[in-house]
Amino acid sequence: LGELCSDAAEADALYERAWVLSGRRYARARRLQAQACMRRRDLERACTLFEEALAVNALSTSSWFSLGCALMQTGRLADALPAFTRVVQLEPES
């Protein structure tokens, strides 16, 4: 288990480095970091990371959906509604 935690911390550090080196333009690095936070149940951090990724690439339907889910789980229902609205705007079949 310790090795797994070490690998996760290392991956997080690499995503952070990619984000910084890209001049805060590599949205995928932020999305992957946010997804890792969701798995660790660090929902507040996940929300922040998804918001940063979406500021760079606002067309990521899966990021909008994940952000909405994280916001709901933190009790921020009013903030989740625009995220889910964006999902349906981007993919009406959703």
PDB file of N, CA and C in Angstrom:
ATOM      1  N   LEU A   1       0.828  -1.189   0.000  1.00  0.00           N
ATOM      2  CA  LEU A   1       0.000   0.000   0.000  1.00  0.00           C
ATOM      3  C   LEU A   1       0.874   1.256   0.000  1.00  0.00           C
ATOM      4  N   GLY A   2       1.964   1.229   0.719  1.00  0.00           N
ATOM      5  CA  GLY A   2       2.865   2.375   0.765  1.00  0.00           C
ATOM      6  C   GLY A   2       3.428   2.706  -0.599  1.00  0.00           C
ATOM      7  N   GLU A   3       3.748   1.659  -1.367  1.00  0.00           N
ATOM      8  CA  GLU A   3       4.285   1.864  -2.712  1.00  0.00           C
ATOM      9  C   GLU A   3       3.235   2.505  -3.620  1.00  0.00           C
ATOM     10  N   LEU A   4       1.991   2.080  -3.468  1.00  0.00           N
ATOM     11  CA  LEU A   4       0.896   2.638  -4.265  1.00  0.00           C
ATOM     12  C   LEU A   4       0.710   4.127  -3.955  1.00  0.00           C
ATOM     13  N   CYS A   5       0.775   4.478  -2.678  1.00  0.00           N
ATOM     14  CA  CYS A   5       0.657   5.888  -2.285  1.00  0.00           C
ATOM     15  C   CYS A   5       1.817   6.698  -2.833  1.00  0.00           C
ATOM     16  N   SER A   6       2.995   6.114  -2.812  1.00  0.00           N
ATOM     17  CA  SER A   6       4.176   6.781  -3.344  1.00  0.00           C
ATOM     18  C   SER A   6       4.023   7.020  -4.843  1.00  0.00           C
ATOM     19  N   ASP A   7       3.512   6.006  -5.565  1.00  0.00           N
ATOM     20  CA  ASP A   7       3.291   6.156  -7.001  1.00  0.00           C
ATOM     21  C   ASP A   7       2.268   7.250  -7.286  1.00  0.00           C
ATOM     22  N   ALA A   8       1.205   7.302  -6.491  1.00  0.00           N
ATOM     23  CA  ALA A   8       0.169   8.319  -6.683  1.00  0.00           C
ATOM     24  C   ALA A   8       0.741   9.713  -6.435  1.00  0.00           C
ATOM     25  N   ALA A   9       1.542   9.858  -5.403  1.00  0.00           N
ATOM     26  CA  ALA A   9       2.146  11.151  -5.094  1.00  0.00           C
ATOM     27  C   ALA A   9       3.109  11.564  -6.209  1.00  0.00           C
ATOM     28  N   GLU A  10       3.841  10.605  -6.740  1.00  0.00           N
ATOM     29  CA  GLU A  10       4.777  10.894  -7.821  1.00  0.00           C
ATOM     30  C   GLU A  10       4.022  11.327  -9.083  1.00  0.00           C
ATOM     31  N   ALA A  11       2.936  10.623  -9.389  1.00  0.00           N
ATOM     32  CA  ALA A  11       2.136  10.976 -10.561  1.00  0.00           C
ATOM     33  C   ALA A  11       1.561  12.377 -10.393  1.00  0.00           C
ATOM     34  N   ASP A  12       1.070  12.687  -9.201  1.00  0.00           N
ATOM     35  CA  ASP A  12       0.511  14.011  -8.939  1.00  0.00           C
ATOM     36  C   ASP A  12       1.580  15.090  -9.146  1.00  0.00           C
ATOM     37  N   ALA A  13       2.776  14.819  -8.684  1.00  0.00           N
ATOM     38  CA  ALA A  13       3.867  15.775  -8.852  1.00  0.00           C
ATOM     39  C   ALA A  13       4.212  15.967 -10.331  1.00  0.00           C
ATOM     40  N   LEU A  14       4.158  14.891 -11.099  1.00  0.00           N
ATOM     41  CA  LEU A  14       4.442  14.988 -12.526  1.00  0.00           C
ATOM     42  C   LEU A  14       3.364  15.785 -13.264  1.00  0.00           C
ATOM     43  N   TYR A  15       2.108  15.560 -12.898  1.00  0.00           N
ATOM     44  CA  TYR A  15       1.021  16.338 -13.503  1.00  0.00           C
ATOM     45  C   TYR A  15       1.178  17.826 -13.164  1.00  0.00           C
ATOM     46  N   GLU A  16       1.536  18.087 -11.922  1.00  0.00           N
ATOM     47  CA  GLU A  16       1.735  19.480 -11.497  1.00  0.00           C
ATOM     48  C   GLU A  16       2.861  20.123 -12.300  1.00  0.00           C
ATOM     49  N   ARG A  17       3.940  19.374 -12.474  1.00  0.00           N
ATOM     50  CA  ARG A  17       5.083  19.888 -13.242  1.00  0.00           C
ATOM     51  C   ARG A  17       4.687  20.150 -14.689  1.00  0.00           C
ATOM     52  N   ALA A  18       3.936  19.233 -15.290  1.00  0.00           N
ATOM     53  CA  ALA A  18       3.475  19.415 -16.676  1.00  0.00           C
ATOM     54  C   ALA A  18       2.604  20.662 -16.794  1.00  0.00           C
ATOM     55  N   TRP A  19       1.744  20.871 -15.794  1.00  0.00           N
ATOM     56  CA  TRP A  19       0.873  22.041 -15.782  1.00  0.00           C
ATOM     57  C   TRP A  19       1.700  23.336 -15.742  1.00  0.00           C
ATOM     58  N   VAL A  20       2.684  23.364 -14.869  1.00  0.00           N
ATOM     59  CA  VAL A  20       3.512  24.568 -14.718  1.00  0.00           C
ATOM     60  C   VAL A  20       4.366  24.795 -15.970  1.00  0.00           C
ATOM     61  N   LEU A  21       5.011  23.731 -16.468  1.00  0.00           N
ATOM     62  CA  LEU A  21       5.873  23.877 -17.641  1.00  0.00           C
ATOM     63  C   LEU A  21       5.094  24.307 -18.879  1.00  0.00           C
ATOM     64  N   SER A  22       3.814  23.958 -18.938  1.00  0.00           N
ATOM     65  CA  SER A  22       2.995  24.325 -20.098  1.00  0.00           C
ATOM     66  C   SER A  22       2.504  25.768 -20.013  1.00  0.00           C
ATOM     67  N   GLY A  23       2.860  26.445 -18.961  1.00  0.00           N
ATOM     68  CA  GLY A  23       2.354  27.793 -18.766  1.00  0.00           C
ATOM     69  C   GLY A  23       0.885  27.785 -18.382  1.00  0.00           C
ATOM     70  N   ARG A  24       0.492  26.728 -17.690  1.00  0.00           N
ATOM     71  CA  ARG A  24      -0.891  26.536 -17.242  1.00  0.00           C
ATOM     72  C   ARG A  24      -1.868  26.425 -18.409  1.00  0.00           C
ATOM     73  N   ARG A  25      -1.414  25.722 -19.472  1.00  0.00           N
ATOM     74  CA  ARG A  25      -2.235  25.537 -20.671  1.00  0.00           C
ATOM     75  C   ARG A  25      -2.522  24.065 -20.976  1.00  0.00           C
ATOM     76  N   TYR A  26      -1.885  23.144 -20.301  1.00  0.00           N
ATOM     77  CA  TYR A  26      -2.052  21.716 -20.580  1.00  0.00           C
ATOM     78  C   TYR A  26      -3.199  21.168 -19.726  1.00  0.00           C
ATOM     79  N   ALA A  27      -4.411  21.323 -20.259  1.00  0.00           N
ATOM     80  CA  ALA A  27      -5.616  20.969 -19.507  1.00  0.00           C
ATOM     81  C   ALA A  27      -5.647  19.495 -19.121  1.00  0.00           C
ATOM     82  N   ARG A  28      -5.078  18.633 -19.944  1.00  0.00           N
ATOM     83  CA  ARG A  28      -5.112  17.196 -19.636  1.00  0.00           C
ATOM     84  C   ARG A  28      -4.415  16.891 -18.311  1.00  0.00           C
ATOM     85  N   ALA A  29      -3.321  17.576 -18.044  1.00  0.00           N
ATOM     86  CA  ALA A  29      -2.607  17.354 -16.782  1.00  0.00           C
ATOM     87  C   ALA A  29      -3.514  17.687 -15.602  1.00  0.00           C
ATOM     88  N   ARG A  30      -4.256  18.780 -15.708  1.00  0.00           N
ATOM     89  CA  ARG A  30      -5.155  19.172 -14.623  1.00  0.00           C
ATOM     90  C   ARG A  30      -6.317  18.192 -14.499  1.00  0.00           C
ATOM     91  N   ARG A  31      -6.855  17.736 -15.641  1.00  0.00           N
ATOM     92  CA  ARG A  31      -7.951  16.760 -15.601  1.00  0.00           C
ATOM     93  C   ARG A  31      -7.511  15.467 -14.925  1.00  0.00           C
ATOM     94  N   LEU A  32      -6.329  14.996 -15.267  1.00  0.00           N
ATOM     95  CA  LEU A  32      -5.833  13.751 -14.669  1.00  0.00           C
ATOM     96  C   LEU A  32      -5.600  13.919 -13.170  1.00  0.00           C
ATOM     97  N   GLN A  33      -5.090  15.071 -12.776  1.00  0.00           N
ATOM     98  CA  GLN A  33      -4.922  15.359 -11.349  1.00  0.00           C
ATOM     99  C   GLN A  33      -6.282  15.385 -10.656  1.00  0.00           C
ATOM    100  N   ALA A  34      -7.250  16.017 -11.283  1.00  0.00           N
ATOM    101  CA  ALA A  34      -8.597  16.110 -10.700  1.00  0.00           C
ATOM    102  C   ALA A  34      -9.223  14.729 -10.556  1.00  0.00           C
ATOM    103  N   GLN A  35      -9.053  13.887 -11.563  1.00  0.00           N
ATOM    104  CA  GLN A  35      -9.597  12.529 -11.497  1.00  0.00           C
ATOM    105  C   GLN A  35      -8.957  11.744 -10.355  1.00  0.00           C
ATOM    106  N   ALA A  36      -7.661  11.932 -10.166  1.00  0.00           N
ATOM    107  CA  ALA A  36      -6.978  11.259  -9.053  1.00  0.00           C
ATOM    108  C   ALA A  36      -7.533  11.756  -7.717  1.00  0.00           C
ATOM    109  N   CYS A  37      -7.791  13.046  -7.621  1.00  0.00           N
ATOM    110  CA  CYS A  37      -8.391  13.594  -6.393  1.00  0.00           C
ATOM    111  C   CYS A  37      -9.781  13.005  -6.156  1.00  0.00           C
ATOM    112  N   MET A  38     -10.544  12.833  -7.212  1.00  0.00           N
ATOM    113  CA  MET A  38     -11.877  12.226  -7.069  1.00  0.00           C
ATOM    114  C   MET A  38     -11.744  10.810  -6.495  1.00  0.00           C
ATOM    115  N   ARG A  39     -10.782  10.055  -7.001  1.00  0.00           N
ATOM    116  CA  ARG A  39     -10.585   8.680  -6.496  1.00  0.00           C
ATOM    117  C   ARG A  39     -10.172   8.679  -5.030  1.00  0.00           C
ATOM    118  N   ARG A  40      -9.412   9.712  -4.615  1.00  0.00           N
ATOM    119  CA  ARG A  40      -8.977   9.819  -3.218  1.00  0.00           C
ATOM    120  C   ARG A  40     -10.023  10.491  -2.337  1.00  0.00           C
ATOM    121  N   ARG A  41     -11.129  10.919  -2.942  1.00  0.00           N
ATOM    122  CA  ARG A  41     -12.232  11.603  -2.242  1.00  0.00           C
ATOM    123  C   ARG A  41     -11.816  12.984  -1.739  1.00  0.00           C
ATOM    124  N   ASP A  42     -10.830  13.574  -2.388  1.00  0.00           N
ATOM    125  CA  ASP A  42     -10.431  14.951  -2.094  1.00  0.00           C
ATOM    126  C   ASP A  42     -11.232  15.841  -3.037  1.00  0.00           C
ATOM    127  N   LEU A  43     -12.519  16.002  -2.726  1.00  0.00           N
ATOM    128  CA  LEU A  43     -13.467  16.608  -3.657  1.00  0.00           C
ATOM    129  C   LEU A  43     -13.273  18.103  -3.834  1.00  0.00           C
ATOM    130  N   GLU A  44     -12.914  18.817  -2.793  1.00  0.00           N
ATOM    131  CA  GLU A  44     -12.683  20.256  -2.926  1.00  0.00           C
ATOM    132  C   GLU A  44     -11.529  20.528  -3.889  1.00  0.00           C
ATOM    133  N   ARG A  45     -10.461  19.775  -3.718  1.00  0.00           N
ATOM    134  CA  ARG A  45      -9.306  19.935  -4.614  1.00  0.00           C
ATOM    135  C   ARG A  45      -9.682  19.545  -6.035  1.00  0.00           C
ATOM    136  N   ALA A  46     -10.456  18.480  -6.184  1.00  0.00           N
ATOM    137  CA  ALA A  46     -10.896  18.045  -7.509  1.00  0.00           C
ATOM    138  C   ALA A  46     -11.687  19.151  -8.202  1.00  0.00           C
ATOM    139  N   CYS A  47     -12.567  19.807  -7.466  1.00  0.00           N
ATOM    140  CA  CYS A  47     -13.357  20.910  -8.038  1.00  0.00           C
ATOM    141  C   CYS A  47     -12.436  22.006  -8.566  1.00  0.00           C
ATOM    142  N   THR A  48     -11.474  22.383  -7.773  1.00  0.00           N
ATOM    143  CA  THR A  48     -10.537  23.433  -8.175  1.00  0.00           C
ATOM    144  C   THR A  48      -9.782  23.030  -9.435  1.00  0.00           C
ATOM    145  N   LEU A  49      -9.301  21.797  -9.469  1.00  0.00           N
ATOM    146  CA  LEU A  49      -8.522  21.334 -10.617  1.00  0.00           C
ATOM    147  C   LEU A  49      -9.382  21.235 -11.877  1.00  0.00           C
ATOM    148  N   PHE A  50     -10.609  20.718 -11.740  1.00  0.00           N
ATOM    149  CA  PHE A  50     -11.495  20.670 -12.905  1.00  0.00           C
ATOM    150  C   PHE A  50     -11.793  22.073 -13.420  1.00  0.00           C
ATOM    151  N   GLU A  51     -12.019  23.016 -12.513  1.00  0.00           N
ATOM    152  CA  GLU A  51     -12.293  24.397 -12.928  1.00  0.00           C
ATOM    153  C   GLU A  51     -11.107  24.987 -13.677  1.00  0.00           C
ATOM    154  N   GLU A  52      -9.890  24.695 -13.225  1.00  0.00           N
ATOM    155  CA  GLU A  52      -8.702  25.191 -13.916  1.00  0.00           C
ATOM    156  C   GLU A  52      -8.568  24.562 -15.299  1.00  0.00           C
ATOM    157  N   ALA A  53      -8.836  23.247 -15.388  1.00  0.00           N
ATOM    158  CA  ALA A  53      -8.766  22.564 -16.682  1.00  0.00           C
ATOM    159  C   ALA A  53      -9.819  23.115 -17.638  1.00  0.00           C
ATOM    160  N   LEU A  54     -11.011  23.365 -17.124  1.00  0.00           N
ATOM    161  CA  LEU A  54     -12.095  23.861 -17.969  1.00  0.00           C
ATOM    162  C   LEU A  54     -11.875  25.309 -18.402  1.00  0.00           C
ATOM    163  N   ALA A  55     -11.119  26.064 -17.643  1.00  0.00           N
ATOM    164  CA  ALA A  55     -10.783  27.429 -18.053  1.00  0.00           C
ATOM    165  C   ALA A  55      -9.906  27.404 -19.307  1.00  0.00           C
ATOM    166  N   VAL A  56      -9.165  26.313 -19.493  1.00  0.00           N
ATOM    167  CA  VAL A  56      -8.298  26.162 -20.658  1.00  0.00           C
ATOM    168  C   VAL A  56      -9.044  25.483 -21.805  1.00  0.00           C
ATOM    169  N   ASN A  57      -9.828  24.458 -21.484  1.00  0.00           N
ATOM    170  CA  ASN A  57     -10.562  23.696 -22.496  1.00  0.00           C
ATOM    171  C   ASN A  57     -11.992  23.489 -22.024  1.00  0.00           C
ATOM    172  N   ALA A  58     -12.855  24.399 -22.412  1.00  0.00           N
ATOM    173  CA  ALA A  58     -14.242  24.382 -21.939  1.00  0.00           C
ATOM    174  C   ALA A  58     -15.124  23.394 -22.690  1.00  0.00           C
ATOM    175  N   LEU A  59     -14.558  22.633 -23.623  1.00  0.00           N
ATOM    176  CA  LEU A  59     -15.356  21.693 -24.409  1.00  0.00           C
ATOM    177  C   LEU A  59     -15.254  20.256 -23.924  1.00  0.00           C
ATOM    178  N   SER A  60     -14.676  20.051 -22.771  1.00  0.00           N
ATOM    179  CA  SER A  60     -14.522  18.701 -22.220  1.00  0.00           C
ATOM    180  C   SER A  60     -15.780  18.307 -21.446  1.00  0.00           C
ATOM    181  N   THR A  61     -16.666  17.596 -22.119  1.00  0.00           N
ATOM    182  CA  THR A  61     -17.937  17.188 -21.509  1.00  0.00           C
ATOM    183  C   THR A  61     -17.714  16.361 -20.250  1.00  0.00           C
ATOM    184  N   SER A  62     -16.764  15.441 -20.307  1.00  0.00           N
ATOM    185  CA  SER A  62     -16.524  14.581 -19.145  1.00  0.00           C
ATOM    186  C   SER A  62     -16.032  15.392 -17.943  1.00  0.00           C
ATOM    187  N   SER A  63     -15.272  16.450 -18.199  1.00  0.00           N
ATOM    188  CA  SER A  63     -14.805  17.296 -17.101  1.00  0.00           C
ATOM    189  C   SER A  63     -15.958  18.081 -16.486  1.00  0.00           C
ATOM    190  N   TRP A  64     -16.861  18.578 -17.330  1.00  0.00           N
ATOM    191  CA  TRP A  64     -18.029  19.286 -16.799  1.00  0.00           C
ATOM    192  C   TRP A  64     -18.874  18.348 -15.940  1.00  0.00           C
ATOM    193  N   PHE A  65     -19.056  17.121 -16.431  1.00  0.00           N
ATOM    194  CA  PHE A  65     -19.851  16.152 -15.675  1.00  0.00           C
ATOM    195  C   PHE A  65     -19.187  15.817 -14.345  1.00  0.00           C
ATOM    196  N   SER A  66     -17.893  15.552 -14.387  1.00  0.00           N
ATOM    197  CA  SER A  66     -17.167  15.223 -13.156  1.00  0.00           C
ATOM    198  C   SER A  66     -17.181  16.380 -12.177  1.00  0.00           C
ATOM    199  N   LEU A  67     -17.029  17.595 -12.693  1.00  0.00           N
ATOM    200  CA  LEU A  67     -17.101  18.776 -11.833  1.00  0.00           C
ATOM    201  C   LEU A  67     -18.474  18.850 -11.179  1.00  0.00           C
ATOM    202  N   GLY A  68     -19.525  18.637 -11.949  1.00  0.00           N
ATOM    203  CA  GLY A  68     -20.871  18.649 -11.389  1.00  0.00           C
ATOM    204  C   GLY A  68     -21.049  17.621 -10.296  1.00  0.00           C
ATOM    205  N   CYS A  69     -20.532  16.434 -10.517  1.00  0.00           N
ATOM    206  CA  CYS A  69     -20.624  15.370  -9.504  1.00  0.00           C
ATOM    207  C   CYS A  69     -19.865  15.753  -8.238  1.00  0.00           C
ATOM    208  N   ALA A  70     -18.661  16.278  -8.400  1.00  0.00           N
ATOM    209  CA  ALA A  70     -17.860  16.672  -7.237  1.00  0.00           C
ATOM    210  C   ALA A  70     -18.548  17.794  -6.469  1.00  0.00           C
ATOM    211  N   LEU A  71     -19.098  18.751  -7.199  1.00  0.00           N
ATOM    212  CA  LEU A  71     -19.799  19.853  -6.537  1.00  0.00           C
ATOM    213  C   LEU A  71     -21.017  19.350  -5.772  1.00  0.00           C
ATOM    214  N   MET A  72     -21.759  18.426  -6.373  1.00  0.00           N
ATOM    215  CA  MET A  72     -22.914  17.853  -5.673  1.00  0.00           C
ATOM    216  C   MET A  72     -22.488  17.147  -4.395  1.00  0.00           C
ATOM    217  N   GLN A  73     -21.406  16.387  -4.484  1.00  0.00           N
ATOM    218  CA  GLN A  73     -20.948  15.616  -3.334  1.00  0.00           C
ATOM    219  C   GLN A  73     -20.434  16.511  -2.213  1.00  0.00           C
ATOM    220  N   THR A  74     -20.047  17.719  -2.552  1.00  0.00           N
ATOM    221  CA  THR A  74     -19.607  18.654  -1.508  1.00  0.00           C
ATOM    222  C   THR A  74     -20.763  19.520  -1.025  1.00  0.00           C
ATOM    223  N   GLY A  75     -21.955  19.260  -1.534  1.00  0.00           N
ATOM    224  CA  GLY A  75     -23.134  19.984  -1.092  1.00  0.00           C
ATOM    225  C   GLY A  75     -23.366  21.302  -1.809  1.00  0.00           C
ATOM    226  N   ARG A  76     -22.615  21.564  -2.855  1.00  0.00           N
ATOM    227  CA  ARG A  76     -22.739  22.820  -3.590  1.00  0.00           C
ATOM    228  C   ARG A  76     -23.664  22.624  -4.796  1.00  0.00           C
ATOM    229  N   LEU A  77     -24.927  22.363  -4.515  1.00  0.00           N
ATOM    230  CA  LEU A  77     -25.888  22.033  -5.563  1.00  0.00           C
ATOM    231  C   LEU A  77     -26.107  23.178  -6.539  1.00  0.00           C
ATOM    232  N   ALA A  78     -26.172  24.396  -6.036  1.00  0.00           N
ATOM    233  CA  ALA A  78     -26.383  25.550  -6.917  1.00  0.00           C
ATOM    234  C   ALA A  78     -25.214  25.715  -7.899  1.00  0.00           C
ATOM    235  N   ASP A  79     -24.017  25.342  -7.477  1.00  0.00           N
ATOM    236  CA  ASP A  79     -22.850  25.427  -8.361  1.00  0.00           C
ATOM    237  C   ASP A  79     -22.802  24.250  -9.338  1.00  0.00           C
ATOM    238  N   ALA A  80     -23.391  23.123  -8.948  1.00  0.00           N
ATOM    239  CA  ALA A  80     -23.380  21.937  -9.801  1.00  0.00           C
ATOM    240  C   ALA A  80     -24.310  22.105 -11.002  1.00  0.00           C
ATOM    241  N   LEU A  81     -25.403  22.820 -10.829  1.00  0.00           N
ATOM    242  CA  LEU A  81     -26.388  22.968 -11.899  1.00  0.00           C
ATOM    243  C   LEU A  81     -25.787  23.534 -13.186  1.00  0.00           C
ATOM    244  N   PRO A  82     -24.999  24.619 -13.146  1.00  0.00           N
ATOM    245  CA  PRO A  82     -24.403  25.116 -14.397  1.00  0.00           C
ATOM    246  C   PRO A  82     -23.454  24.099 -15.052  1.00  0.00           C
ATOM    247  N   ALA A  83     -22.761  23.303 -14.253  1.00  0.00           N
ATOM    248  CA  ALA A  83     -21.861  22.288 -14.818  1.00  0.00           C
ATOM    249  C   ALA A  83     -22.662  21.241 -15.587  1.00  0.00           C
ATOM    250  N   PHE A  84     -23.753  20.767 -14.998  1.00  0.00           N
ATOM    251  CA  PHE A  84     -24.581  19.776 -15.680  1.00  0.00           C
ATOM    252  C   PHE A  84     -25.302  20.395 -16.884  1.00  0.00           C
ATOM    253  N   THR A  85     -25.666  21.660 -16.777  1.00  0.00           N
ATOM    254  CA  THR A  85     -26.283  22.354 -17.910  1.00  0.00           C
ATOM    255  C   THR A  85     -25.319  22.395 -19.081  1.00  0.00           C
ATOM    256  N   ARG A  86     -24.047  22.641 -18.791  1.00  0.00           N
ATOM    257  CA  ARG A  86     -23.028  22.684 -19.841  1.00  0.00           C
ATOM    258  C   ARG A  86     -22.872  21.313 -20.508  1.00  0.00           C
ATOM    259  N   VAL A  87     -22.971  20.244 -19.726  1.00  0.00           N
ATOM    260  CA  VAL A  87     -22.886  18.894 -20.300  1.00  0.00           C
ATOM    261  C   VAL A  87     -23.966  18.713 -21.361  1.00  0.00           C
ATOM    262  N   VAL A  88     -25.185  19.078 -21.012  1.00  0.00           N
ATOM    263  CA  VAL A  88     -26.309  18.895 -21.944  1.00  0.00           C
ATOM    264  C   VAL A  88     -26.194  19.850 -23.137  1.00  0.00           C
ATOM    265  N   GLN A  89     -25.636  21.026 -22.925  1.00  0.00           N
ATOM    266  CA  GLN A  89     -25.422  21.947 -24.039  1.00  0.00           C
ATOM    267  C   GLN A  89     -24.423  21.363 -25.039  1.00  0.00           C
ATOM    268  N   LEU A  90     -23.378  20.739 -24.523  1.00  0.00           N
ATOM    269  CA  LEU A  90     -22.341  20.171 -25.389  1.00  0.00           C
ATOM    270  C   LEU A  90     -22.763  18.862 -26.026  1.00  0.00           C
ATOM    271  N   GLU A  91     -23.529  18.059 -25.287  1.00  0.00           N
ATOM    272  CA  GLU A  91     -24.009  16.761 -25.785  1.00  0.00           C
ATOM    273  C   GLU A  91     -25.471  16.620 -25.419  1.00  0.00           C
ATOM    274  N   PRO A  92     -26.375  17.092 -26.271  1.00  0.00           N
ATOM    275  CA  PRO A  92     -27.806  17.066 -25.937  1.00  0.00           C
ATOM    276  C   PRO A  92     -28.354  15.680 -25.613  1.00  0.00           C
ATOM    277  N   GLU A  93     -27.712  14.632 -26.079  1.00  0.00           N
ATOM    278  CA  GLU A  93     -28.187  13.281 -25.800  1.00  0.00           C
ATOM    279  C   GLU A  93     -27.863  12.829 -24.368  1.00  0.00           C
ATOM    280  N   SER A  94     -27.032  13.583 -23.683  1.00  0.00           N
ATOM    281  CA  SER A  94     -26.585  13.190 -22.341  1.00  0.00           C
ATOM    282  C   SER A  94     -27.726  13.276 -21.348  1.00  0.00           C
TER     283      SER A  94
END
